[in-house]
Amino acid sequence: MAAATAVVSRQGNDQFRGLFSDTWLVKCTLDAGAVGAGATDTDTVTVPGVGLGDMVVCFSHGVSEAGLVKRAYVSATNTVTITTYNPTAGSVNLASTTLTLVIGRAV
């Protein structure tokens, strides 16, 4: 488990009128170790202001080429957890990976 480094910015809601009362854009870098075949790795990112129930959309840069599956969710106040699952037959080490998270709070 590793903590990711992140750049967080609060966003206006013009593009999401009526859907979200608040939004965040997060660019983070994960530097996790190898994920074994059939295994899962977990990382966390601190995002001030997010809370349980907020929606997270995760865009990865380079993860899909390796066959890994990412899932991101708010696990506690100010904390987003990112899980990496490796469904492939071998271990995969991405070293440093960049992710973009869009987080929205429903109205």
Protein backbone atom coordinates (compact mmCIF):
# COMPACT_ATOMS: atom_id res chain seq x y z
CA MET A 1 0.00 0.00 0.00
CA ALA A 2 1.37 3.40 -0.97
CA ALA A 3 0.12 6.95 -0.63
CA ALA A 4 -0.08 8.74 -3.94
CA THR A 5 1.11 12.25 -4.60
CA ALA A 6 -1.69 14.44 -5.93
CA VAL A 7 -2.55 17.85 -7.31
CA VAL A 8 -6.13 18.72 -6.36
CA SER A 9 -8.26 21.55 -7.73
CA ARG A 10 -11.86 22.43 -6.93
CA GLN A 11 -13.85 22.87 -10.12
CA GLY A 12 -16.82 25.02 -11.03
CA ASN A 13 -20.06 23.24 -11.79
CA ASP A 14 -20.94 24.81 -15.15
CA GLN A 15 -20.22 21.59 -17.03
CA PHE A 16 -22.30 19.56 -14.55
CA ARG A 17 -25.31 21.85 -14.01
CA GLY A 18 -27.92 20.17 -11.85
CA LEU A 19 -25.90 16.96 -11.37
CA PHE A 20 -23.27 17.85 -8.78
CA SER A 21 -23.12 20.43 -6.01
CA ASP A 22 -19.31 20.24 -5.89
CA THR A 23 -16.56 18.74 -8.07
CA TRP A 24 -12.83 18.05 -7.80
CA LEU A 25 -10.21 17.34 -10.44
CA VAL A 26 -7.26 15.30 -9.16
CA LYS A 27 -4.09 14.39 -11.05
CA CYS A 28 -2.09 11.87 -9.07
CA THR A 29 0.97 9.73 -9.47
CA LEU A 30 1.08 6.23 -8.00
CA ASP A 31 4.41 4.53 -7.48
CA ALA A 32 3.29 1.05 -6.47
CA GLY A 33 5.25 -2.17 -6.56
CA ALA A 34 4.48 -5.21 -8.66
CA VAL A 35 0.95 -6.64 -8.59
CA GLY A 36 1.00 -10.44 -8.76
CA ALA A 37 -1.28 -12.54 -10.96
CA GLY A 38 -4.79 -12.48 -9.51
CA ALA A 39 -3.72 -10.05 -6.77
CA THR A 40 -4.93 -6.60 -5.74
CA ASP A 41 -2.93 -3.56 -4.59
CA THR A 42 -4.38 -0.57 -2.73
CA ASP A 43 -3.27 3.07 -2.72
CA THR A 44 -4.78 6.16 -1.09
CA VAL A 45 -4.93 9.82 -2.12
CA THR A 46 -5.77 12.70 0.21
CA VAL A 47 -8.41 14.97 -1.37
CA PRO A 48 -9.53 17.71 1.02
CA GLY A 49 -13.31 18.09 1.18
CA VAL A 50 -14.49 14.80 -0.32
CA GLY A 51 -16.86 12.62 1.68
CA LEU A 52 -18.53 9.23 1.69
CA GLY A 53 -21.07 9.00 -1.10
CA ASP A 54 -19.14 11.20 -3.54
CA MET A 55 -18.75 9.66 -7.00
CA VAL A 56 -15.25 9.01 -8.40
CA VAL A 57 -14.36 8.45 -12.05
CA CYS A 58 -10.80 7.25 -12.62
CA PHE A 59 -8.90 7.68 -15.88
CA SER A 60 -5.59 5.90 -16.09
CA HIS A 61 -2.68 6.69 -18.37
CA GLY A 62 -0.99 3.45 -19.38
CA VAL A 63 -2.75 0.98 -17.09
CA SER A 64 -5.05 -0.58 -19.68
CA GLU A 65 -2.07 -1.56 -21.87
CA ALA A 66 -0.80 -3.71 -19.02
CA GLY A 67 -4.15 -5.46 -18.55
CA LEU A 68 -4.76 -4.10 -15.04
CA VAL A 69 -8.14 -2.95 -13.71
CA LYS A 70 -8.41 0.22 -11.58
CA ARG A 71 -11.26 1.19 -9.25
CA ALA A 72 -11.44 4.40 -7.21
CA TYR A 73 -13.87 5.35 -4.45
CA VAL A 74 -14.13 7.67 -1.44
CA SER A 75 -13.31 5.43 1.52
CA ALA A 76 -13.36 8.10 4.26
CA THR A 77 -13.60 11.86 4.65
CA ASN A 78 -10.74 13.45 2.64
CA THR A 79 -9.55 10.04 1.36
CA VAL A 80 -9.88 8.34 -2.03
CA THR A 81 -8.82 4.71 -2.26
CA ILE A 82 -7.57 3.30 -5.56
CA THR A 83 -7.44 -0.45 -6.04
CA THR A 84 -5.47 -2.15 -8.79
CA TYR A 85 -6.48 -5.68 -9.77
CA ASN A 86 -4.31 -7.87 -11.97
CA PRO A 87 -6.41 -10.45 -13.86
CA THR A 88 -3.48 -11.50 -16.05
CA ALA A 89 -1.40 -14.68 -15.71
CA GLY A 90 1.78 -12.86 -14.66
CA SER A 91 3.03 -10.19 -12.31
CA VAL A 92 2.86 -6.59 -13.61
CA ASN A 93 4.98 -3.71 -12.36
CA LEU A 94 3.98 -0.30 -13.73
CA ALA A 95 6.44 1.58 -11.49
CA SER A 96 5.09 5.14 -11.75
CA THR A 97 1.56 5.64 -13.13
CA THR A 98 -0.42 8.85 -13.66
CA LEU A 99 -4.17 8.89 -12.94
CA THR A 100 -6.83 11.55 -13.34
CA LEU A 101 -9.78 11.44 -10.93
CA VAL A 102 -12.98 13.40 -11.37
CA ILE A 103 -14.98 13.48 -8.13
CA GLY A 104 -18.54 14.76 -7.89
CA ARG A 105 -20.97 15.30 -5.02
CA ALA A 106 -24.56 14.62 -6.08
CA VAL A 107 -27.14 17.34 -5.41
